[in-house]
Amino acid sequence: MAGSVGPLGISADEAETRGIDRAAVFHEQVAGLLDGGADAIFFETFLDYDELELALGAKMKLSKAPTICSLACESEGRLSSGLTLVGGF
């Protein structure tokens, strides 16, 4: 059974302003899924590579369970941050 975690939907700046520790939030979510019996973790439709990296780091501190990561990007292969995921089309 796989557990699914999505992006938080707030920017790093907004999280800081609101006093939200994004890594701690992901840690809590992943811990709950693993405690509930998840054998794998699926990080899906992340728009921000840095946020995905935080989520994956939190998971790796808890478990070496298989992990699947997906990013959602514009049709030209760019994340909202401007990071290019693939070569030009």
C-alpha atoms as a PDB file:
ATOM      1  CA  MET A   1       0.000   0.000   0.000  1.00  0.00           C
ATOM      2  CA  ALA A   2       1.323   3.444  -0.902  1.00  0.00           C
ATOM      3  CA  GLY A   3       0.629   6.698   0.895  1.00  0.00           C
ATOM      4  CA  SER A   4       0.286   9.937  -1.043  1.00  0.00           C
ATOM      5  CA  VAL A   5       1.584  13.394  -0.091  1.00  0.00           C
ATOM      6  CA  GLY A   6       0.992  16.538  -2.132  1.00  0.00           C
ATOM      7  CA  PRO A   7       2.457  20.022  -2.006  1.00  0.00           C
ATOM      8  CA  LEU A   8       1.487  22.358   0.822  1.00  0.00           C
ATOM      9  CA  GLY A   9       0.201  25.057  -1.506  1.00  0.00           C
ATOM     10  CA  ILE A  10       2.116  27.899   0.131  1.00  0.00           C
ATOM     11  CA  SER A  11       5.407  29.502  -0.793  1.00  0.00           C
ATOM     12  CA  ALA A  12       8.521  29.337   1.365  1.00  0.00           C
ATOM     13  CA  ASP A  13       8.101  33.044   2.142  1.00  0.00           C
ATOM     14  CA  GLU A  14       4.466  32.597   3.166  1.00  0.00           C
ATOM     15  CA  ALA A  15       5.360  29.604   5.344  1.00  0.00           C
ATOM     16  CA  GLU A  16       8.064  31.644   7.078  1.00  0.00           C
ATOM     17  CA  THR A  17       5.721  34.594   7.616  1.00  0.00           C
ATOM     18  CA  ARG A  18       3.111  32.269   9.124  1.00  0.00           C
ATOM     19  CA  GLY A  19       5.659  30.380  11.251  1.00  0.00           C
ATOM     20  CA  ILE A  20       5.139  27.086   9.431  1.00  0.00           C
ATOM     21  CA  ASP A  21       8.038  24.629   9.369  1.00  0.00           C
ATOM     22  CA  ARG A  22       7.395  22.918   6.044  1.00  0.00           C
ATOM     23  CA  ALA A  23       9.872  20.095   6.729  1.00  0.00           C
ATOM     24  CA  ALA A  24       8.116  19.350  10.040  1.00  0.00           C
ATOM     25  CA  VAL A  25       4.736  19.263   8.288  1.00  0.00           C
ATOM     26  CA  PHE A  26       6.018  16.742   5.745  1.00  0.00           C
ATOM     27  CA  HIS A  27       7.658  14.716   8.515  1.00  0.00           C
ATOM     28  CA  GLU A  28       4.320  14.496  10.346  1.00  0.00           C
ATOM     29  CA  GLN A  29       2.416  13.526   7.194  1.00  0.00           C
ATOM     30  CA  VAL A  30       4.877  10.823   6.182  1.00  0.00           C
ATOM     31  CA  ALA A  31       5.117   9.466   9.739  1.00  0.00           C
ATOM     32  CA  GLY A  32       1.333   9.128   9.833  1.00  0.00           C
ATOM     33  CA  LEU A  33       1.261   7.272   6.529  1.00  0.00           C
ATOM     34  CA  LEU A  34       4.037   4.907   7.582  1.00  0.00           C
ATOM     35  CA  ASP A  35       2.384   4.324  10.974  1.00  0.00           C
ATOM     36  CA  GLY A  36      -0.829   3.557   9.084  1.00  0.00           C
ATOM     37  CA  GLY A  37       0.885   0.789   7.130  1.00  0.00           C
ATOM     38  CA  ALA A  38       2.123   2.469   3.955  1.00  0.00           C
ATOM     39  CA  ASP A  39       4.900   0.454   2.314  1.00  0.00           C
ATOM     40  CA  ALA A  40       5.793   3.219  -0.164  1.00  0.00           C
ATOM     41  CA  ILE A  41       5.379   6.985  -0.350  1.00  0.00           C
ATOM     42  CA  PHE A  42       4.194   8.869  -3.433  1.00  0.00           C
ATOM     43  CA  PHE A  43       4.979  12.597  -3.563  1.00  0.00           C
ATOM     44  CA  GLU A  44       2.684  13.880  -6.285  1.00  0.00           C
ATOM     45  CA  THR A  45       2.165  16.957  -8.397  1.00  0.00           C
ATOM     46  CA  PHE A  46       4.757  19.146  -6.689  1.00  0.00           C
ATOM     47  CA  LEU A  47       5.219  22.504  -8.421  1.00  0.00           C
ATOM     48  CA  ASP A  48       8.365  23.516  -6.545  1.00  0.00           C
ATOM     49  CA  TYR A  49      11.549  21.427  -6.615  1.00  0.00           C
ATOM     50  CA  ASP A  50      12.762  22.855  -3.288  1.00  0.00           C
ATOM     51  CA  GLU A  51       9.516  21.835  -1.590  1.00  0.00           C
ATOM     52  CA  LEU A  52       9.783  18.334  -3.035  1.00  0.00           C
ATOM     53  CA  GLU A  53      13.342  18.155  -1.735  1.00  0.00           C
ATOM     54  CA  LEU A  54      12.097  19.112   1.769  1.00  0.00           C
ATOM     55  CA  ALA A  55       9.401  16.441   1.629  1.00  0.00           C
ATOM     56  CA  LEU A  56      11.803  13.771   0.402  1.00  0.00           C
ATOM     57  CA  GLY A  57      14.357  14.716   3.072  1.00  0.00           C
ATOM     58  CA  ALA A  58      11.715  14.360   5.786  1.00  0.00           C
ATOM     59  CA  LYS A  59      10.750  10.938   4.432  1.00  0.00           C
ATOM     60  CA  MET A  60      14.357   9.755   4.253  1.00  0.00           C
ATOM     61  CA  LYS A  61      14.836  10.576   7.953  1.00  0.00           C
ATOM     62  CA  LEU A  62      11.939   8.240   8.734  1.00  0.00           C
ATOM     63  CA  SER A  63      12.238   5.355   6.297  1.00  0.00           C
ATOM     64  CA  LYS A  64      13.975   3.892   3.289  1.00  0.00           C
ATOM     65  CA  ALA A  65      10.624   2.779   1.888  1.00  0.00           C
ATOM     66  CA  PRO A  66      10.304   3.050  -1.893  1.00  0.00           C
ATOM     67  CA  THR A  67       9.415   6.553  -3.042  1.00  0.00           C
ATOM     68  CA  ILE A  68       7.860   7.905  -6.219  1.00  0.00           C
ATOM     69  CA  CYS A  69       8.087  11.631  -6.932  1.00  0.00           C
ATOM     70  CA  SER A  70       6.193  13.598  -9.560  1.00  0.00           C
ATOM     71  CA  LEU A  71       6.399  17.230 -10.533  1.00  0.00           C
ATOM     72  CA  ALA A  72       3.738  19.219 -12.354  1.00  0.00           C
ATOM     73  CA  CYS A  73       5.150  21.601 -14.930  1.00  0.00           C
ATOM     74  CA  GLU A  74       4.116  23.898 -17.742  1.00  0.00           C
ATOM     75  CA  SER A  75       3.840  22.372 -21.204  1.00  0.00           C
ATOM     76  CA  GLU A  76       7.333  23.625 -22.107  1.00  0.00           C
ATOM     77  CA  GLY A  77       8.791  21.669 -19.178  1.00  0.00           C
ATOM     78  CA  ARG A  78       9.307  24.458 -16.642  1.00  0.00           C
ATOM     79  CA  LEU A  79       8.285  24.577 -13.011  1.00  0.00           C
ATOM     80  CA  SER A  80       6.660  27.750 -11.697  1.00  0.00           C
ATOM     81  CA  SER A  81      10.080  28.729 -10.296  1.00  0.00           C
ATOM     82  CA  GLY A  82      11.468  28.740 -13.840  1.00  0.00           C
ATOM     83  CA  LEU A  83      13.521  25.559 -13.368  1.00  0.00           C
ATOM     84  CA  THR A  84      13.597  23.586 -16.619  1.00  0.00           C
ATOM     85  CA  LEU A  85      12.913  19.866 -16.251  1.00  0.00           C
ATOM     86  CA  VAL A  86      13.449  18.823 -19.854  1.00  0.00           C
ATOM     87  CA  GLY A  87      15.110  20.087 -22.987  1.00  0.00           C
ATOM     88  CA  GLY A  88      13.245  22.261 -25.445  1.00  0.00           C
ATOM     89  CA  PHE A  89      10.369  20.895 -27.498  1.00  0.00           C
END
